[in-house]
Amino acid sequence: VTTPGGCTIAGLLTLEDGRVRSTMARAIQVATNHAA
């Protein structure tokens, strides 16, 4: 979906700035530890 200079990459960079990827992964980690 990501074309050079397009709107998708602009939005993705904003998500990366907000650490969405690592925050979601950490949410799974924390929920796993709590489930135990």
PDB file of all heavy atoms in Angstrom:
ATOM      1  N   VAL A   1       0.824  -1.212   0.000  1.00  0.00           N
ATOM      2  CA  VAL A   1       0.000   0.000   0.000  1.00  0.00           C
ATOM      3  C   VAL A   1       0.857   1.260   0.000  1.00  0.00           C
ATOM      4  O   VAL A   1       0.378   2.357  -0.311  1.00  0.00           O
ATOM      5  CB  VAL A   1      -0.927   0.002   1.257  1.00  0.00           C
ATOM      6  CG1 VAL A   1      -1.908   1.170   1.210  1.00  0.00           C
ATOM      7  CG2 VAL A   1      -1.688  -1.301   1.369  1.00  0.00           C
ATOM      8  N   THR A   2       2.132   1.120   0.342  1.00  0.00           N
ATOM      9  CA  THR A   2       3.006   2.277   0.576  1.00  0.00           C
ATOM     10  C   THR A   2       3.768   2.655  -0.690  1.00  0.00           C
ATOM     11  O   THR A   2       4.711   1.975  -1.091  1.00  0.00           O
ATOM     12  CB  THR A   2       4.001   1.959   1.713  1.00  0.00           C
ATOM     13  OG1 THR A   2       3.282   1.482   2.840  1.00  0.00           O
ATOM     14  CG2 THR A   2       4.788   3.194   2.095  1.00  0.00           C
ATOM     15  N   THR A   3       3.350   3.739  -1.328  1.00  0.00           N
ATOM     16  CA  THR A   3       4.035   4.225  -2.530  1.00  0.00           C
ATOM     17  C   THR A   3       4.980   5.359  -2.163  1.00  0.00           C
ATOM     18  O   THR A   3       4.758   6.082  -1.189  1.00  0.00           O
ATOM     19  CB  THR A   3       3.005   4.734  -3.567  1.00  0.00           C
ATOM     20  OG1 THR A   3       2.168   5.718  -2.943  1.00  0.00           O
ATOM     21  CG2 THR A   3       2.137   3.589  -4.066  1.00  0.00           C
ATOM     22  N   PRO A   4       6.056   5.539  -2.925  1.00  0.00           N
ATOM     23  CA  PRO A   4       7.032   6.591  -2.624  1.00  0.00           C
ATOM     24  C   PRO A   4       6.396   7.983  -2.578  1.00  0.00           C
ATOM     25  O   PRO A   4       5.685   8.389  -3.497  1.00  0.00           O
ATOM     26  CB  PRO A   4       8.027   6.482  -3.791  1.00  0.00           C
ATOM     27  CG  PRO A   4       7.904   5.068  -4.260  1.00  0.00           C
ATOM     28  CD  PRO A   4       6.463   4.717  -4.077  1.00  0.00           C
ATOM     29  N   GLY A   5       6.633   8.673  -1.473  1.00  0.00           N
ATOM     30  CA  GLY A   5       6.143  10.029  -1.329  1.00  0.00           C
ATOM     31  C   GLY A   5       4.638  10.132  -1.144  1.00  0.00           C
ATOM     32  O   GLY A   5       4.081  11.233  -1.234  1.00  0.00           O
ATOM     33  N   GLY A   6       3.955   8.994  -0.885  1.00  0.00           N
ATOM     34  CA  GLY A   6       2.506   9.002  -0.803  1.00  0.00           C
ATOM     35  C   GLY A   6       1.979   9.288   0.598  1.00  0.00           C
ATOM     36  O   GLY A   6       2.736   9.481   1.557  1.00  0.00           O
ATOM     37  N   CYS A   7       0.644   9.290   0.696  1.00  0.00           N
ATOM     38  CA  CYS A   7       0.005   9.598   1.978  1.00  0.00           C
ATOM     39  C   CYS A   7       0.192   8.465   2.989  1.00  0.00           C
ATOM     40  O   CYS A   7       0.236   8.706   4.204  1.00  0.00           O
ATOM     41  CB  CYS A   7      -1.477   9.895   1.770  1.00  0.00           C
ATOM     42  SG  CYS A   7      -2.415   8.551   1.030  1.00  0.00           S
ATOM     43  N   THR A   8       0.329   7.207   2.507  1.00  0.00           N
ATOM     44  CA  THR A   8       0.468   6.075   3.434  1.00  0.00           C
ATOM     45  C   THR A   8       1.774   6.164   4.207  1.00  0.00           C
ATOM     46  O   THR A   8       1.788   5.989   5.432  1.00  0.00           O
ATOM     47  CB  THR A   8       0.392   4.744   2.674  1.00  0.00           C
ATOM     48  OG1 THR A   8      -0.841   4.680   1.951  1.00  0.00           O
ATOM     49  CG2 THR A   8       0.447   3.570   3.644  1.00  0.00           C
ATOM     50  N   ILE A   9       2.876   6.430   3.533  1.00  0.00           N
ATOM     51  CA  ILE A   9       4.161   6.502   4.226  1.00  0.00           C
ATOM     52  C   ILE A   9       4.179   7.694   5.183  1.00  0.00           C
ATOM     53  O   ILE A   9       4.786   7.633   6.262  1.00  0.00           O
ATOM     54  CB  ILE A   9       5.344   6.578   3.225  1.00  0.00           C
ATOM     55  CG1 ILE A   9       6.685   6.421   3.967  1.00  0.00           C
ATOM     56  CG2 ILE A   9       5.308   7.861   2.415  1.00  0.00           C
ATOM     57  CD1 ILE A   9       6.843   5.104   4.678  1.00  0.00           C
ATOM     58  N   ALA A  10       3.487   8.765   4.820  1.00  0.00           N
ATOM     59  CA  ALA A  10       3.416   9.916   5.718  1.00  0.00           C
ATOM     60  C   ALA A  10       2.686   9.546   7.005  1.00  0.00           C
ATOM     61  O   ALA A  10       3.121   9.880   8.118  1.00  0.00           O
ATOM     62  CB  ALA A  10       2.696  11.078   5.026  1.00  0.00           C
ATOM     63  N   GLY A  11       1.596   8.803   6.867  1.00  0.00           N
ATOM     64  CA  GLY A  11       0.866   8.357   8.048  1.00  0.00           C
ATOM     65  C   GLY A  11       1.645   7.338   8.858  1.00  0.00           C
ATOM     66  O   GLY A  11       1.638   7.370  10.100  1.00  0.00           O
ATOM     67  N   LEU A  12       2.339   6.435   8.161  1.00  0.00           N
ATOM     68  CA  LEU A  12       3.134   5.414   8.861  1.00  0.00           C
ATOM     69  C   LEU A  12       4.243   6.042   9.694  1.00  0.00           C
ATOM     70  O   LEU A  12       4.508   5.601  10.828  1.00  0.00           O
ATOM     71  CB  LEU A  12       3.737   4.427   7.841  1.00  0.00           C
ATOM     72  CG  LEU A  12       2.778   3.396   7.253  1.00  0.00           C
ATOM     73  CD1 LEU A  12       3.442   2.657   6.100  1.00  0.00           C
ATOM     74  CD2 LEU A  12       2.320   2.409   8.323  1.00  0.00           C
ATOM     75  N   LEU A  13       4.894   7.056   9.159  1.00  0.00           N
ATOM     76  CA  LEU A  13       5.959   7.721   9.911  1.00  0.00           C
ATOM     77  C   LEU A  13       5.410   8.382  11.172  1.00  0.00           C
ATOM     78  O   LEU A  13       6.066   8.393  12.217  1.00  0.00           O
ATOM     79  CB  LEU A  13       6.667   8.748   9.030  1.00  0.00           C
ATOM     80  CG  LEU A  13       7.588   8.162   7.952  1.00  0.00           C
ATOM     81  CD1 LEU A  13       8.180   9.270   7.087  1.00  0.00           C
ATOM     82  CD2 LEU A  13       8.708   7.331   8.569  1.00  0.00           C
ATOM     83  N   THR A  14       4.196   8.901  11.086  1.00  0.00           N
ATOM     84  CA  THR A  14       3.561   9.492  12.267  1.00  0.00           C
ATOM     85  C   THR A  14       3.301   8.409  13.319  1.00  0.00           C
ATOM     86  O   THR A  14       3.516   8.623  14.518  1.00  0.00           O
ATOM     87  CB  THR A  14       2.240  10.176  11.881  1.00  0.00           C
ATOM     88  OG1 THR A  14       2.503  11.195  10.920  1.00  0.00           O
ATOM     89  CG2 THR A  14       1.567  10.787  13.105  1.00  0.00           C
ATOM     90  N   LEU A  15       2.837   7.238  12.877  1.00  0.00           N
ATOM     91  CA  LEU A  15       2.616   6.119  13.800  1.00  0.00           C
ATOM     92  C   LEU A  15       3.925   5.670  14.436  1.00  0.00           C
ATOM     93  O   LEU A  15       3.973   5.351  15.631  1.00  0.00           O
ATOM     94  CB  LEU A  15       1.960   4.949  13.066  1.00  0.00           C
ATOM     95  CG  LEU A  15       0.516   5.173  12.598  1.00  0.00           C
ATOM     96  CD1 LEU A  15       0.054   4.000  11.732  1.00  0.00           C
ATOM     97  CD2 LEU A  15      -0.414   5.339  13.793  1.00  0.00           C
ATOM     98  N   GLU A  16       4.994   5.636  13.649  1.00  0.00           N
ATOM     99  CA  GLU A  16       6.299   5.258  14.188  1.00  0.00           C
ATOM    100  C   GLU A  16       6.786   6.306  15.193  1.00  0.00           C
ATOM    101  O   GLU A  16       7.387   5.959  16.219  1.00  0.00           O
ATOM    102  CB  GLU A  16       7.319   5.090  13.052  1.00  0.00           C
ATOM    103  CG  GLU A  16       7.024   3.950  12.083  1.00  0.00           C
ATOM    104  CD  GLU A  16       7.205   2.571  12.698  1.00  0.00           C
ATOM    105  OE1 GLU A  16       7.490   2.447  13.904  1.00  0.00           O
ATOM    106  OE2 GLU A  16       7.056   1.577  11.956  1.00  0.00           O
ATOM    107  N   ASP A  17       6.537   7.576  14.916  1.00  0.00           N
ATOM    108  CA  ASP A  17       6.897   8.628  15.870  1.00  0.00           C
ATOM    109  C   ASP A  17       6.180   8.413  17.204  1.00  0.00           C
ATOM    110  O   ASP A  17       6.732   8.691  18.274  1.00  0.00           O
ATOM    111  CB  ASP A  17       6.533  10.011  15.305  1.00  0.00           C
ATOM    112  CG  ASP A  17       7.445  10.438  14.159  1.00  0.00           C
ATOM    113  OD1 ASP A  17       8.525   9.841  14.011  1.00  0.00           O
ATOM    114  OD2 ASP A  17       7.049  11.354  13.402  1.00  0.00           O
ATOM    115  N   GLY A  18       4.953   7.932  17.126  1.00  0.00           N
ATOM    116  CA  GLY A  18       4.164   7.682  18.338  1.00  0.00           C
ATOM    117  C   GLY A  18       4.442   6.336  18.980  1.00  0.00           C
ATOM    118  O   GLY A  18       3.775   5.971  19.954  1.00  0.00           O
ATOM    119  N   ARG A  19       5.389   5.602  18.440  1.00  0.00           N
ATOM    120  CA  ARG A  19       5.802   4.296  18.978  1.00  0.00           C
ATOM    121  C   ARG A  19       4.629   3.317  19.071  1.00  0.00           C
ATOM    122  O   ARG A  19       4.520   2.533  20.008  1.00  0.00           O
ATOM    123  CB  ARG A  19       6.461   4.482  20.349  1.00  0.00           C
ATOM    124  CG  ARG A  19       7.699   5.373  20.332  1.00  0.00           C
ATOM    125  CD  ARG A  19       8.239   5.630  21.714  1.00  0.00           C
ATOM    126  NE  ARG A  19       8.693   4.398  22.345  1.00  0.00           N
ATOM    127  CZ  ARG A  19       9.126   4.312  23.604  1.00  0.00           C
ATOM    128  NH1 ARG A  19       9.138   5.403  24.369  1.00  0.00           N
ATOM    129  NH2 ARG A  19       9.529   3.166  24.108  1.00  0.00           N
ATOM    130  N   VAL A  20       3.754   3.370  18.088  1.00  0.00           N
ATOM    131  CA  VAL A  20       2.574   2.496  18.096  1.00  0.00           C
ATOM    132  C   VAL A  20       2.981   1.028  18.049  1.00  0.00           C
ATOM    133  O   VAL A  20       2.432   0.191  18.765  1.00  0.00           O
ATOM    134  CB  VAL A  20       1.635   2.839  16.914  1.00  0.00           C
ATOM    135  CG1 VAL A  20       0.549   1.779  16.778  1.00  0.00           C
ATOM    136  CG2 VAL A  20       1.026   4.210  17.121  1.00  0.00           C
ATOM    137  N   ARG A  21       3.966   0.719  17.222  1.00  0.00           N
ATOM    138  CA  ARG A  21       4.396  -0.672  17.060  1.00  0.00           C
ATOM    139  C   ARG A  21       4.907  -1.247  18.379  1.00  0.00           C
ATOM    140  O   ARG A  21       4.456  -2.311  18.831  1.00  0.00           O
ATOM    141  CB  ARG A  21       5.499  -0.740  15.993  1.00  0.00           C
ATOM    142  CG  ARG A  21       6.008  -2.152  15.701  1.00  0.00           C
ATOM    143  CD  ARG A  21       7.348  -2.076  14.978  1.00  0.00           C
ATOM    144  NE  ARG A  21       7.265  -1.291  13.747  1.00  0.00           N
ATOM    145  CZ  ARG A  21       7.110  -1.824  12.543  1.00  0.00           C
ATOM    146  NH1 ARG A  21       7.019  -3.134  12.406  1.00  0.00           N
ATOM    147  NH2 ARG A  21       7.057  -1.057  11.475  1.00  0.00           N
ATOM    148  N   SER A  22       5.833  -0.554  19.035  1.00  0.00           N
ATOM    149  CA  SER A  22       6.409  -1.081  20.274  1.00  0.00           C
ATOM    150  C   SER A  22       5.400  -1.041  21.418  1.00  0.00           C
ATOM    151  O   SER A  22       5.382  -1.919  22.286  1.00  0.00           O
ATOM    152  CB  SER A  22       7.674  -0.306  20.662  1.00  0.00           C
ATOM    153  OG  SER A  22       7.379   1.065  20.894  1.00  0.00           O
ATOM    154  N   THR A  23       4.532  -0.032  21.422  1.00  0.00           N
ATOM    155  CA  THR A  23       3.521   0.062  22.471  1.00  0.00           C
ATOM    156  C   THR A  23       2.553  -1.110  22.398  1.00  0.00           C
ATOM    157  O   THR A  23       2.191  -1.702  23.424  1.00  0.00           O
ATOM    158  CB  THR A  23       2.742   1.391  22.364  1.00  0.00           C
ATOM    159  OG1 THR A  23       3.654   2.482  22.498  1.00  0.00           O
ATOM    160  CG2 THR A  23       1.679   1.489  23.444  1.00  0.00           C
ATOM    161  N   MET A  24       2.143  -1.473  21.194  1.00  0.00           N
ATOM    162  CA  MET A  24       1.235  -2.613  21.032  1.00  0.00           C
ATOM    163  C   MET A  24       1.915  -3.914  21.440  1.00  0.00           C
ATOM    164  O   MET A  24       1.321  -4.763  22.127  1.00  0.00           O
ATOM    165  CB  MET A  24       0.758  -2.695  19.581  1.00  0.00           C
ATOM    166  CG  MET A  24      -0.283  -3.768  19.336  1.00  0.00           C
ATOM    167  SD  MET A  24      -1.834  -3.490  20.223  1.00  0.00           S
ATOM    168  CE  MET A  24      -2.538  -2.152  19.248  1.00  0.00           C
ATOM    169  N   ALA A  25       3.166  -4.084  21.041  1.00  0.00           N
ATOM    170  CA  ALA A  25       3.902  -5.287  21.421  1.00  0.00           C
ATOM    171  C   ALA A  25       4.078  -5.362  22.936  1.00  0.00           C
ATOM    172  O   ALA A  25       3.955  -6.447  23.538  1.00  0.00           O
ATOM    173  CB  ALA A  25       5.267  -5.306  20.725  1.00  0.00           C
ATOM    174  N   ARG A  26       4.365  -4.229  23.566  1.00  0.00           N
ATOM    175  CA  ARG A  26       4.511  -4.198  25.032  1.00  0.00           C
ATOM    176  C   ARG A  26       3.185  -4.485  25.724  1.00  0.00           C
ATOM    177  O   ARG A  26       3.147  -5.079  26.804  1.00  0.00           O
ATOM    178  CB  ARG A  26       5.043  -2.834  25.476  1.00  0.00           C
ATOM    179  CG  ARG A  26       6.490  -2.570  25.096  1.00  0.00           C
ATOM    180  CD  ARG A  26       7.437  -3.524  25.777  1.00  0.00           C
ATOM    181  NE  ARG A  26       8.827  -3.173  25.512  1.00  0.00           N
ATOM    182  CZ  ARG A  26       9.873  -3.931  25.825  1.00  0.00           C
ATOM    183  NH1 ARG A  26       9.661  -5.100  26.418  1.00  0.00           N
ATOM    184  NH2 ARG A  26      11.094  -3.551  25.548  1.00  0.00           N
ATOM    185  N   ALA A  27       2.082  -4.056  25.115  1.00  0.00           N
ATOM    186  CA  ALA A  27       0.767  -4.340  25.686  1.00  0.00           C
ATOM    187  C   ALA A  27       0.541  -5.850  25.766  1.00  0.00           C
ATOM    188  O   ALA A  27       0.003  -6.356  26.768  1.00  0.00           O
ATOM    189  CB  ALA A  27      -0.332  -3.684  24.848  1.00  0.00           C
ATOM    190  N   ILE A  28       0.955  -6.585  24.734  1.00  0.00           N
ATOM    191  CA  ILE A  28       0.833  -8.048  24.750  1.00  0.00           C
ATOM    192  C   ILE A  28       1.714  -8.626  25.849  1.00  0.00           C
ATOM    193  O   ILE A  28       1.320  -9.544  26.583  1.00  0.00           O
ATOM    194  CB  ILE A  28       1.230  -8.650  23.387  1.00  0.00           C
ATOM    195  CG1 ILE A  28       0.352  -8.078  22.262  1.00  0.00           C
ATOM    196  CG2 ILE A  28       1.136 -10.163  23.426  1.00  0.00           C
ATOM    197  CD1 ILE A  28      -1.117  -8.373  22.391  1.00  0.00           C
ATOM    198  N   GLN A  29       2.929  -8.075  25.993  1.00  0.00           N
ATOM    199  CA  GLN A  29       3.850  -8.552  27.024  1.00  0.00           C
ATOM    200  C   GLN A  29       3.269  -8.342  28.420  1.00  0.00           C
ATOM    201  O   GLN A  29       3.260  -9.258  29.255  1.00  0.00           O
ATOM    202  CB  GLN A  29       5.182  -7.821  26.903  1.00  0.00           C
ATOM    203  CG  GLN A  29       6.214  -8.251  27.941  1.00  0.00           C
ATOM    204  CD  GLN A  29       7.477  -7.391  27.887  1.00  0.00           C
ATOM    205  OE1 GLN A  29       7.415  -6.208  27.564  1.00  0.00           O
ATOM    206  NE2 GLN A  29       8.606  -7.985  28.189  1.00  0.00           N
ATOM    207  N   VAL A  30       2.767  -7.145  28.692  1.00  0.00           N
ATOM    208  CA  VAL A  30       2.226  -6.832  30.015  1.00  0.00           C
ATOM    209  C   VAL A  30       0.977  -7.665  30.297  1.00  0.00           C
ATOM    210  O   VAL A  30       0.798  -8.193  31.402  1.00  0.00           O
ATOM    211  CB  VAL A  30       1.903  -5.323  30.113  1.00  0.00           C
ATOM    212  CG1 VAL A  30       1.130  -5.015  31.380  1.00  0.00           C
ATOM    213  CG2 VAL A  30       3.186  -4.500  30.064  1.00  0.00           C
ATOM    214  N   ALA A  31       0.110  -7.799  29.312  1.00  0.00           N
ATOM    215  CA  ALA A  31      -1.108  -8.596  29.498  1.00  0.00           C
ATOM    216  C   ALA A  31      -0.773 -10.064  29.740  1.00  0.00           C
ATOM    217  O   ALA A  31      -1.448 -10.744  30.523  1.00  0.00           O
ATOM    218  CB  ALA A  31      -2.017  -8.448  28.275  1.00  0.00           C
ATOM    219  N   THR A  32       0.266 -10.562  29.080  1.00  0.00           N
ATOM    220  CA  THR A  32       0.699 -11.949  29.289  1.00  0.00           C
ATOM    221  C   THR A  32       1.143 -12.159  30.729  1.00  0.00           C
ATOM    222  O   THR A  32       0.744 -13.138  31.387  1.00  0.00           O
ATOM    223  CB  THR A  32       1.860 -12.297  28.340  1.00  0.00           C
ATOM    224  OG1 THR A  32       1.414 -12.187  26.984  1.00  0.00           O
ATOM    225  CG2 THR A  32       2.357 -13.718  28.579  1.00  0.00           C
ATOM    226  N   ASN A  33       1.971 -11.255  31.226  1.00  0.00           N
ATOM    227  CA  ASN A  33       2.466 -11.369  32.601  1.00  0.00           C
ATOM    228  C   ASN A  33       1.322 -11.274  33.612  1.00  0.00           C
ATOM    229  O   ASN A  33       1.321 -11.960  34.634  1.00  0.00           O
ATOM    230  CB  ASN A  33       3.511 -10.286  32.874  1.00  0.00           C
ATOM    231  CG  ASN A  33       4.775 -10.478  32.056  1.00  0.00           C
ATOM    232  OD1 ASN A  33       5.097 -11.598  31.654  1.00  0.00           O
ATOM    233  ND2 ASN A  33       5.491  -9.407  31.793  1.00  0.00           N
ATOM    234  N   HIS A  34       0.352 -10.433  33.310  1.00  0.00           N
ATOM    235  CA  HIS A  34      -0.790 -10.288  34.216  1.00  0.00           C
ATOM    236  C   HIS A  34      -1.665 -11.542  34.191  1.00  0.00           C
ATOM    237  O   HIS A  34      -2.171 -11.982  35.230  1.00  0.00           O
ATOM    238  CB  HIS A  34      -1.621  -9.067  33.811  1.00  0.00           C
ATOM    239  CG  HIS A  34      -2.672  -8.699  34.809  1.00  0.00           C
ATOM    240  ND1 HIS A  34      -2.375  -8.064  35.997  1.00  0.00           N
ATOM    241  CD2 HIS A  34      -4.017  -8.910  34.813  1.00  0.00           C
ATOM    242  CE1 HIS A  34      -3.501  -7.881  36.683  1.00  0.00           C
ATOM    243  NE2 HIS A  34      -4.500  -8.387  35.986  1.00  0.00           N
ATOM    244  N   ALA A  35      -1.829 -12.129  33.001  1.00  0.00           N
ATOM    245  CA  ALA A  35      -2.648 -13.338  32.862  1.00  0.00           C
ATOM    246  C   ALA A  35      -2.097 -14.483  33.702  1.00  0.00           C
ATOM    247  O   ALA A  35      -2.853 -15.287  34.253  1.00  0.00           O
ATOM    248  CB  ALA A  35      -2.728 -13.753  31.387  1.00  0.00           C
ATOM    249  N   ALA A  36      -0.774 -14.533  33.818  1.00  0.00           N
ATOM    250  CA  ALA A  36      -0.135 -15.622  34.570  1.00  0.00           C
ATOM    251  C   ALA A  36      -0.534 -15.626  36.030  1.00  0.00           C
ATOM    252  O   ALA A  36      -0.528 -16.684  36.680  1.00  0.00           O
ATOM    253  CB  ALA A  36       1.387 -15.516  34.437  1.00  0.00           C
TER     254      ALA A  36
END
